Amino acid sequence: MQSAAGDAGGAIGSAFVVWNQQLGQPRGFTMDHAYWGPEFSDEQIKALLQRCEGDLTAQSCSVTHMADEGALCRHIAEAIAEGEVIGWFQGRMEWGPRALGNRSILGDPRRSDMKDILNLKIKRRESFRPFAPSILREAVKDWFETDYDVPFMLQVFQILEDRRAQIPAVTHVNGSGRLQTVTEAQNSRYYRLIKQFGALTGVPILLNTSFNENEPVVCRPEEALDCFLRTKMDVVVLRDYVVERRSAE
């Protein structure tokens, strides 16, 4: 299994041919995550926020540095549970066609209106196009008619019939969902965020869609902040920095 099972995956196939046939290395390799892209430091993000201080002030944004990962995940899980839309930018960018929790926009899967909220605030895409559920790996059997590892969000499975009404924002019209399973070993911060949301709500699932508006998925923090500022996203998390729009007094 690999995360770019399309034309883009030809590059990794070519590399494996050289690895095995030219260099004589063993063929065995398991790709259990897709986080191979660029990563950015807190110092780089701090410098960006300082450069953009005027733009942030103009949009009544607050900036908080949260070095305590547990506190950060609790804060963001509570915001999602209250219906806020979160830009989530952390770690290395995903390789492949799906956002897998490092360049993602997150929402509450329990809200029947969340697809409309996302399309109104950010995505502006056709109403029939679904959003995906990111679920803790150990909870899959309790929510889906399967119990597989699906780390790259490339397969669709049926949601258990008695669970569909609980997560309408990620349930297709035919009762299925294009799930992403998440383990702590694959992506510890994203796993802890979903687990915290599950502790708050009883639903160990987040709505996950790619961090972009109508352009390629954001790669650099400058692109993530630009997307936040030009849309109606409520919060953007840039590594350990939390940028929030303050409500009008």
C-alpha atoms as a PDB file:
ATOM      1  CA  MET A   1       0.000   0.000   0.000  1.00  0.00           C
ATOM      2  CA  GLN A   2       1.229   3.506  -0.775  1.00  0.00           C
ATOM      3  CA  SER A   3      -0.310   6.946  -0.613  1.00  0.00           C
ATOM      4  CA  ALA A   4      -0.128   8.092  -4.261  1.00  0.00           C
ATOM      5  CA  ALA A   5      -1.654   5.204  -6.154  1.00  0.00           C
ATOM      6  CA  GLY A   6      -1.985   7.056  -9.452  1.00  0.00           C
ATOM      7  CA  ASP A   7       0.289   8.690 -12.002  1.00  0.00           C
ATOM      8  CA  ALA A   8       2.233  10.411  -9.220  1.00  0.00           C
ATOM      9  CA  GLY A   9       3.067   6.999  -7.769  1.00  0.00           C
ATOM     10  CA  GLY A  10       5.208   6.193 -10.809  1.00  0.00           C
ATOM     11  CA  ALA A  11       8.082   8.075  -9.196  1.00  0.00           C
ATOM     12  CA  ILE A  12       8.231   5.752  -6.212  1.00  0.00           C
ATOM     13  CA  GLY A  13       7.936   2.718  -8.509  1.00  0.00           C
ATOM     14  CA  SER A  14      10.909   3.938 -10.545  1.00  0.00           C
ATOM     15  CA  ALA A  15      12.908   4.496  -7.392  1.00  0.00           C
ATOM     16  CA  PHE A  16      12.171   0.954  -6.209  1.00  0.00           C
ATOM     17  CA  VAL A  17      13.286  -0.504  -9.542  1.00  0.00           C
ATOM     18  CA  VAL A  18      16.654   1.220  -9.172  1.00  0.00           C
ATOM     19  CA  TRP A  19      16.831   0.276  -5.484  1.00  0.00           C
ATOM     20  CA  ASN A  20      16.218  -3.407  -6.193  1.00  0.00           C
ATOM     21  CA  GLN A  21      17.573  -4.095  -9.698  1.00  0.00           C
ATOM     22  CA  GLN A  22      20.481  -1.683  -9.899  1.00  0.00           C
ATOM     23  CA  LEU A  23      21.591  -1.502  -6.275  1.00  0.00           C
ATOM     24  CA  GLY A  24      20.687  -5.062  -5.311  1.00  0.00           C
ATOM     25  CA  GLN A  25      18.691  -4.028  -2.249  1.00  0.00           C
ATOM     26  CA  PRO A  26      15.769  -6.108  -0.898  1.00  0.00           C
ATOM     27  CA  ARG A  27      12.289  -5.409  -2.264  1.00  0.00           C
ATOM     28  CA  GLY A  28      10.523  -5.466   1.074  1.00  0.00           C
ATOM     29  CA  PHE A  29       9.230  -2.059   2.244  1.00  0.00           C
ATOM     30  CA  THR A  30       6.081  -1.046   4.095  1.00  0.00           C
ATOM     31  CA  MET A  31       4.858   2.522   3.740  1.00  0.00           C
ATOM     32  CA  ASP A  32       2.833   3.093   6.899  1.00  0.00           C
ATOM     33  CA  HIS A  33       2.651   6.887   6.650  1.00  0.00           C
ATOM     34  CA  ALA A  34       2.788   9.575   3.978  1.00  0.00           C
ATOM     35  CA  TYR A  35       4.551  12.379   5.849  1.00  0.00           C
ATOM     36  CA  TRP A  36       7.564  12.878   3.583  1.00  0.00           C
ATOM     37  CA  GLY A  37       7.194  16.541   2.575  1.00  0.00           C
ATOM     38  CA  PRO A  38       8.730  19.734   3.969  1.00  0.00           C
ATOM     39  CA  GLU A  39       8.455  20.767   7.613  1.00  0.00           C
ATOM     40  CA  PHE A  40       8.767  24.233   9.177  1.00  0.00           C
ATOM     41  CA  SER A  41      10.054  25.307  12.580  1.00  0.00           C
ATOM     42  CA  ASP A  42       8.371  27.364  15.292  1.00  0.00           C
ATOM     43  CA  GLU A  43      10.958  30.074  14.616  1.00  0.00           C
ATOM     44  CA  GLN A  44       9.926  30.311  10.954  1.00  0.00           C
ATOM     45  CA  ILE A  45       6.254  30.501  11.892  1.00  0.00           C
ATOM     46  CA  LYS A  46       6.927  33.116  14.580  1.00  0.00           C
ATOM     47  CA  ALA A  47       8.766  35.275  12.027  1.00  0.00           C
ATOM     48  CA  LEU A  48       5.846  34.944   9.594  1.00  0.00           C
ATOM     49  CA  LEU A  49       3.318  35.998  12.218  1.00  0.00           C
ATOM     50  CA  GLN A  50       5.443  38.998  13.118  1.00  0.00           C
ATOM     51  CA  ARG A  51       5.630  40.034   9.458  1.00  0.00           C
ATOM     52  CA  CYS A  52       1.859  39.689   9.117  1.00  0.00           C
ATOM     53  CA  GLU A  53       0.985  41.394  12.407  1.00  0.00           C
ATOM     54  CA  GLY A  54      -0.801  44.237  10.635  1.00  0.00           C
ATOM     55  CA  ASP A  55      -3.018  41.904   8.610  1.00  0.00           C
ATOM     56  CA  LEU A  56      -3.847  39.868  11.700  1.00  0.00           C
ATOM     57  CA  THR A  57      -4.721  42.968  13.711  1.00  0.00           C
ATOM     58  CA  ALA A  58      -6.914  44.276  10.892  1.00  0.00           C
ATOM     59  CA  GLN A  59      -8.970  41.067  11.077  1.00  0.00           C
ATOM     60  CA  SER A  60      -9.145  41.103  14.898  1.00  0.00           C
ATOM     61  CA  CYS A  61      -7.020  37.987  15.286  1.00  0.00           C
ATOM     62  CA  SER A  62      -5.284  36.862  18.442  1.00  0.00           C
ATOM     63  CA  VAL A  63      -2.060  34.829  18.422  1.00  0.00           C
ATOM     64  CA  THR A  64      -1.205  32.383  21.213  1.00  0.00           C
ATOM     65  CA  HIS A  65       1.864  30.184  21.518  1.00  0.00           C
ATOM     66  CA  MET A  66       0.868  26.847  23.086  1.00  0.00           C
ATOM     67  CA  ALA A  67       3.940  24.711  23.734  1.00  0.00           C
ATOM     68  CA  ASP A  68       1.907  22.238  25.815  1.00  0.00           C
ATOM     69  CA  GLU A  69       0.577  19.793  23.233  1.00  0.00           C
ATOM     70  CA  GLY A  70      -2.086  18.436  25.569  1.00  0.00           C
ATOM     71  CA  ALA A  71      -3.452  21.916  26.234  1.00  0.00           C
ATOM     72  CA  LEU A  72      -3.365  22.734  22.512  1.00  0.00           C
ATOM     73  CA  CYS A  73      -5.302  19.585  21.586  1.00  0.00           C
ATOM     74  CA  ARG A  74      -7.893  20.200  24.306  1.00  0.00           C
ATOM     75  CA  HIS A  75      -8.383  23.785  23.172  1.00  0.00           C
ATOM     76  CA  ILE A  76      -8.797  22.861  19.509  1.00  0.00           C
ATOM     77  CA  ALA A  77     -11.028  19.861  20.265  1.00  0.00           C
ATOM     78  CA  GLU A  78     -13.322  22.172  22.242  1.00  0.00           C
ATOM     79  CA  ALA A  79     -13.384  24.686  19.387  1.00  0.00           C
ATOM     80  CA  ILE A  80     -14.315  21.947  16.892  1.00  0.00           C
ATOM     81  CA  ALA A  81     -17.039  20.664  19.223  1.00  0.00           C
ATOM     82  CA  GLU A  82     -18.444  24.217  19.321  1.00  0.00           C
ATOM     83  CA  GLY A  83     -18.744  24.218  15.526  1.00  0.00           C
ATOM     84  CA  GLU A  84     -15.629  26.169  14.598  1.00  0.00           C
ATOM     85  CA  VAL A  85     -13.660  25.423  11.419  1.00  0.00           C
ATOM     86  CA  ILE A  86      -9.960  24.792  12.011  1.00  0.00           C
ATOM     87  CA  GLY A  87      -6.966  25.034   9.712  1.00  0.00           C
ATOM     88  CA  TRP A  88      -4.485  22.424  11.001  1.00  0.00           C
ATOM     89  CA  PHE A  89      -0.881  22.843   9.826  1.00  0.00           C
ATOM     90  CA  GLN A  90       1.806  20.726  11.446  1.00  0.00           C
ATOM     91  CA  GLY A  91       4.779  18.493  10.745  1.00  0.00           C
ATOM     92  CA  ARG A  92       5.785  17.244   7.313  1.00  0.00           C
ATOM     93  CA  MET A  93       3.415  17.677   4.392  1.00  0.00           C
ATOM     94  CA  GLU A  94       1.640  14.572   3.116  1.00  0.00           C
ATOM     95  CA  TRP A  95       2.811  12.913  -0.110  1.00  0.00           C
ATOM     96  CA  GLY A  96      -0.111  11.959  -2.307  1.00  0.00           C
ATOM     97  CA  PRO A  97      -3.569  13.288  -3.176  1.00  0.00           C
ATOM     98  CA  ARG A  98      -5.085  13.399   0.332  1.00  0.00           C
ATOM     99  CA  ALA A  99      -4.673  15.665   3.339  1.00  0.00           C
ATOM    100  CA  LEU A 100      -3.943  13.280   6.217  1.00  0.00           C
ATOM    101  CA  GLY A 101      -3.834  15.507   9.267  1.00  0.00           C
ATOM    102  CA  ASN A 102      -0.827  17.724   8.584  1.00  0.00           C
ATOM    103  CA  ARG A 103      -2.310  20.061   5.958  1.00  0.00           C
ATOM    104  CA  SER A 104      -5.998  19.704   6.823  1.00  0.00           C
ATOM    105  CA  ILE A 105      -9.139  21.682   7.519  1.00  0.00           C
ATOM    106  CA  LEU A 106     -11.055  20.091  10.384  1.00  0.00           C
ATOM    107  CA  GLY A 107     -14.666  20.203  11.516  1.00  0.00           C
ATOM    108  CA  ASP A 108     -17.282  18.456  13.636  1.00  0.00           C
ATOM    109  CA  PRO A 109     -18.640  15.340  11.861  1.00  0.00           C
ATOM    110  CA  ARG A 110     -21.756  15.345  14.069  1.00  0.00           C
ATOM    111  CA  ARG A 111     -23.179  18.518  12.533  1.00  0.00           C
ATOM    112  CA  SER A 112     -25.555  17.972   9.632  1.00  0.00           C
ATOM    113  CA  ASP A 113     -24.841  21.524   8.473  1.00  0.00           C
ATOM    114  CA  MET A 114     -21.036  21.261   8.590  1.00  0.00           C
ATOM    115  CA  LYS A 115     -20.681  20.613   4.849  1.00  0.00           C
ATOM    116  CA  ASP A 116     -22.682  23.766   4.158  1.00  0.00           C
ATOM    117  CA  ILE A 117     -20.612  25.730   6.682  1.00  0.00           C
ATOM    118  CA  LEU A 118     -17.353  24.598   5.068  1.00  0.00           C
ATOM    119  CA  ASN A 119     -18.586  25.407   1.583  1.00  0.00           C
ATOM    120  CA  LEU A 120     -19.838  28.814   2.709  1.00  0.00           C
ATOM    121  CA  LYS A 121     -16.693  29.748   4.627  1.00  0.00           C
ATOM    122  CA  ILE A 122     -13.960  28.186   2.504  1.00  0.00           C
ATOM    123  CA  LYS A 123     -14.470  25.453  -0.053  1.00  0.00           C
ATOM    124  CA  ARG A 124     -17.289  26.746  -2.283  1.00  0.00           C
ATOM    125  CA  ARG A 125     -17.554  23.374  -3.996  1.00  0.00           C
ATOM    126  CA  GLU A 126     -20.470  21.257  -5.190  1.00  0.00           C
ATOM    127  CA  SER A 127     -22.831  20.189  -2.421  1.00  0.00           C
ATOM    128  CA  PHE A 128     -22.732  16.507  -3.418  1.00  0.00           C
ATOM    129  CA  ARG A 129     -18.978  16.207  -2.848  1.00  0.00           C
ATOM    130  CA  PRO A 130     -18.410  14.610   0.575  1.00  0.00           C
ATOM    131  CA  PHE A 131     -15.869  15.256   3.287  1.00  0.00           C
ATOM    132  CA  ALA A 132     -13.888  12.457   4.896  1.00  0.00           C
ATOM    133  CA  PRO A 133     -13.782  10.981   8.420  1.00  0.00           C
ATOM    134  CA  SER A 134     -10.460  10.626  10.241  1.00  0.00           C
ATOM    135  CA  ILE A 135     -10.950   7.966  12.903  1.00  0.00           C
ATOM    136  CA  LEU A 136      -8.826   6.418  15.632  1.00  0.00           C
ATOM    137  CA  ARG A 137      -7.647   3.049  14.346  1.00  0.00           C
ATOM    138  CA  GLU A 138      -8.927   1.172  17.384  1.00  0.00           C
ATOM    139  CA  ALA A 139     -12.439   2.605  16.912  1.00  0.00           C
ATOM    140  CA  VAL A 140     -12.964   1.527  13.287  1.00  0.00           C
ATOM    141  CA  LYS A 141     -14.917  -1.632  14.106  1.00  0.00           C
ATOM    142  CA  ASP A 142     -17.347   0.371  16.242  1.00  0.00           C
ATOM    143  CA  TRP A 143     -18.251   2.750  13.403  1.00  0.00           C
ATOM    144  CA  PHE A 144     -17.625   0.942  10.095  1.00  0.00           C
ATOM    145  CA  GLU A 145     -18.537  -2.408   8.559  1.00  0.00           C
ATOM    146  CA  THR A 146     -14.833  -3.227   8.453  1.00  0.00           C
ATOM    147  CA  ASP A 147     -11.761  -3.312  10.664  1.00  0.00           C
ATOM    148  CA  TYR A 148      -8.941  -2.509   8.234  1.00  0.00           C
ATOM    149  CA  ASP A 149      -5.954  -0.185   8.253  1.00  0.00           C
ATOM    150  CA  VAL A 150      -6.794   2.628   5.818  1.00  0.00           C
ATOM    151  CA  PRO A 151      -4.066   5.225   6.512  1.00  0.00           C
ATOM    152  CA  PHE A 152      -4.131   7.009   3.154  1.00  0.00           C
ATOM    153  CA  MET A 153      -7.863   7.765   2.735  1.00  0.00           C
ATOM    154  CA  LEU A 154      -8.025   5.938  -0.589  1.00  0.00           C
ATOM    155  CA  GLN A 155     -10.818   3.444   0.140  1.00  0.00           C
ATOM    156  CA  VAL A 156     -14.527   3.746   0.871  1.00  0.00           C
ATOM    157  CA  PHE A 157     -16.367   1.545   3.366  1.00  0.00           C
ATOM    158  CA  GLN A 158     -19.906   1.385   4.720  1.00  0.00           C
ATOM    159  CA  ILE A 159     -20.612   3.124   7.993  1.00  0.00           C
ATOM    160  CA  LEU A 160     -22.608   1.012  10.448  1.00  0.00           C
ATOM    161  CA  GLU A 161     -26.268   1.785   9.877  1.00  0.00           C
ATOM    162  CA  ASP A 162     -26.967   2.755  13.481  1.00  0.00           C
ATOM    163  CA  ARG A 163     -23.994   5.170  13.453  1.00  0.00           C
ATOM    164  CA  ARG A 164     -24.785   7.134  10.302  1.00  0.00           C
ATOM    165  CA  ALA A 165     -27.081   9.651  11.983  1.00  0.00           C
ATOM    166  CA  GLN A 166     -24.333  10.462  14.510  1.00  0.00           C
ATOM    167  CA  ILE A 167     -21.833  11.590  11.851  1.00  0.00           C
ATOM    168  CA  PRO A 168     -23.914  13.062   9.014  1.00  0.00           C
ATOM    169  CA  ALA A 169     -21.197  15.460   7.830  1.00  0.00           C
ATOM    170  CA  VAL A 170     -18.948  12.566   6.713  1.00  0.00           C
ATOM    171  CA  THR A 171     -21.608  10.061   5.605  1.00  0.00           C
ATOM    172  CA  HIS A 172     -22.223   9.712   1.866  1.00  0.00           C
ATOM    173  CA  VAL A 173     -25.776   9.401   0.562  1.00  0.00           C
ATOM    174  CA  ASN A 174     -25.249   5.638   0.216  1.00  0.00           C
ATOM    175  CA  GLY A 175     -24.136   5.266   3.843  1.00  0.00           C
ATOM    176  CA  SER A 176     -20.421   5.016   3.137  1.00  0.00           C
ATOM    177  CA  GLY A 177     -17.372   7.044   4.158  1.00  0.00           C
ATOM    178  CA  ARG A 178     -13.877   7.473   2.708  1.00  0.00           C
ATOM    179  CA  LEU A 179     -12.143   6.918   5.992  1.00  0.00           C
ATOM    180  CA  GLN A 180      -8.615   7.589   7.186  1.00  0.00           C
ATOM    181  CA  THR A 181      -7.426   5.474  10.094  1.00  0.00           C
ATOM    182  CA  VAL A 182      -5.019   7.229  12.468  1.00  0.00           C
ATOM    183  CA  THR A 183      -2.586   5.677  14.936  1.00  0.00           C
ATOM    184  CA  GLU A 184      -0.377   7.359  17.491  1.00  0.00           C
ATOM    185  CA  ALA A 185       2.703   5.882  15.831  1.00  0.00           C
ATOM    186  CA  GLN A 186       1.792   7.384  12.441  1.00  0.00           C
ATOM    187  CA  ASN A 187       0.816  10.885  13.581  1.00  0.00           C
ATOM    188  CA  SER A 188       0.920  11.408  17.323  1.00  0.00           C
ATOM    189  CA  ARG A 189      -0.430  14.978  17.470  1.00  0.00           C
ATOM    190  CA  TYR A 190      -3.336  14.358  15.116  1.00  0.00           C
ATOM    191  CA  TYR A 191      -4.147  11.128  16.972  1.00  0.00           C
ATOM    192  CA  ARG A 192      -4.209  12.994  20.295  1.00  0.00           C
ATOM    193  CA  LEU A 193      -6.463  15.688  18.869  1.00  0.00           C
ATOM    194  CA  ILE A 194      -8.985  13.113  17.620  1.00  0.00           C
ATOM    195  CA  LYS A 195      -8.770  11.236  20.928  1.00  0.00           C
ATOM    196  CA  GLN A 196      -9.424  14.456  22.844  1.00  0.00           C
ATOM    197  CA  PHE A 197     -12.432  15.207  20.628  1.00  0.00           C
ATOM    198  CA  GLY A 198     -13.668  11.673  21.289  1.00  0.00           C
ATOM    199  CA  ALA A 199     -13.304  12.166  25.038  1.00  0.00           C
ATOM    200  CA  LEU A 200     -15.382  15.355  24.809  1.00  0.00           C
ATOM    201  CA  THR A 201     -18.103  14.082  22.496  1.00  0.00           C
ATOM    202  CA  GLY A 202     -18.075  10.287  22.435  1.00  0.00           C
ATOM    203  CA  VAL A 203     -17.201  10.411  18.718  1.00  0.00           C
ATOM    204  CA  PRO A 204     -13.529   9.507  17.988  1.00  0.00           C
ATOM    205  CA  ILE A 205     -13.766  11.000  14.505  1.00  0.00           C
ATOM    206  CA  LEU A 206     -13.005  14.361  12.892  1.00  0.00           C
ATOM    207  CA  LEU A 207     -14.178  15.698   9.559  1.00  0.00           C
ATOM    208  CA  ASN A 208     -11.022  16.152   7.493  1.00  0.00           C
ATOM    209  CA  THR A 209     -10.630  17.950   4.184  1.00  0.00           C
ATOM    210  CA  SER A 210      -7.629  19.429   2.425  1.00  0.00           C
ATOM    211  CA  PHE A 211      -6.228  22.775   3.579  1.00  0.00           C
ATOM    212  CA  ASN A 212      -6.972  24.905   0.519  1.00  0.00           C
ATOM    213  CA  GLU A 213      -9.670  27.020  -1.055  1.00  0.00           C
ATOM    214  CA  ASN A 214      -9.558  26.697  -4.840  1.00  0.00           C
ATOM    215  CA  GLU A 215      -5.840  26.124  -5.258  1.00  0.00           C
ATOM    216  CA  PRO A 216      -3.394  23.267  -4.511  1.00  0.00           C
ATOM    217  CA  VAL A 217      -3.146  22.109  -0.916  1.00  0.00           C
ATOM    218  CA  VAL A 218      -1.051  24.515   1.147  1.00  0.00           C
ATOM    219  CA  CYS A 219       2.557  23.482   1.668  1.00  0.00           C
ATOM    220  CA  ARG A 220       4.250  26.411   3.413  1.00  0.00           C
ATOM    221  CA  PRO A 221       3.011  28.353   6.471  1.00  0.00           C
ATOM    222  CA  GLU A 222       2.743  31.490   4.307  1.00  0.00           C
ATOM    223  CA  GLU A 223       0.176  29.695   2.144  1.00  0.00           C
ATOM    224  CA  ALA A 224      -1.745  28.433   5.163  1.00  0.00           C
ATOM    225  CA  LEU A 225      -1.952  31.893   6.738  1.00  0.00           C
ATOM    226  CA  ASP A 226      -2.969  33.453   3.425  1.00  0.00           C
ATOM    227  CA  CYS A 227      -5.787  30.911   3.048  1.00  0.00           C
ATOM    228  CA  PHE A 228      -6.941  31.640   6.606  1.00  0.00           C
ATOM    229  CA  LEU A 229      -6.927  35.411   6.099  1.00  0.00           C
ATOM    230  CA  ARG A 230      -8.847  35.409   2.819  1.00  0.00           C
ATOM    231  CA  THR A 231     -11.537  32.952   3.942  1.00  0.00           C
ATOM    232  CA  LYS A 232     -13.854  32.778   6.940  1.00  0.00           C
ATOM    233  CA  MET A 233     -11.945  30.041   8.743  1.00  0.00           C
ATOM    234  CA  ASP A 234     -12.285  30.470  12.509  1.00  0.00           C
ATOM    235  CA  VAL A 235      -8.880  29.246  13.695  1.00  0.00           C
ATOM    236  CA  VAL A 236      -5.565  28.259  12.156  1.00  0.00           C
ATOM    237  CA  VAL A 237      -3.019  26.198  14.071  1.00  0.00           C
ATOM    238  CA  LEU A 238       0.517  26.638  12.767  1.00  0.00           C
ATOM    239  CA  ARG A 239       2.563  24.100  14.661  1.00  0.00           C
ATOM    240  CA  ASP A 240       2.455  25.490  18.248  1.00  0.00           C
ATOM    241  CA  TYR A 241       0.871  28.832  17.314  1.00  0.00           C
ATOM    242  CA  VAL A 242      -2.908  29.267  17.467  1.00  0.00           C
ATOM    243  CA  VAL A 243      -4.396  32.158  15.488  1.00  0.00           C
ATOM    244  CA  GLU A 244      -8.049  32.886  16.269  1.00  0.00           C
ATOM    245  CA  ARG A 245     -10.550  35.415  15.023  1.00  0.00           C
ATOM    246  CA  ARG A 246     -11.967  37.262  18.003  1.00  0.00           C
ATOM    247  CA  SER A 247     -15.723  37.729  17.959  1.00  0.00           C
ATOM    248  CA  ALA A 248     -17.010  41.283  17.695  1.00  0.00           C
ATOM    249  CA  GLU A 249     -17.841  42.951  20.995  1.00  0.00           C
END
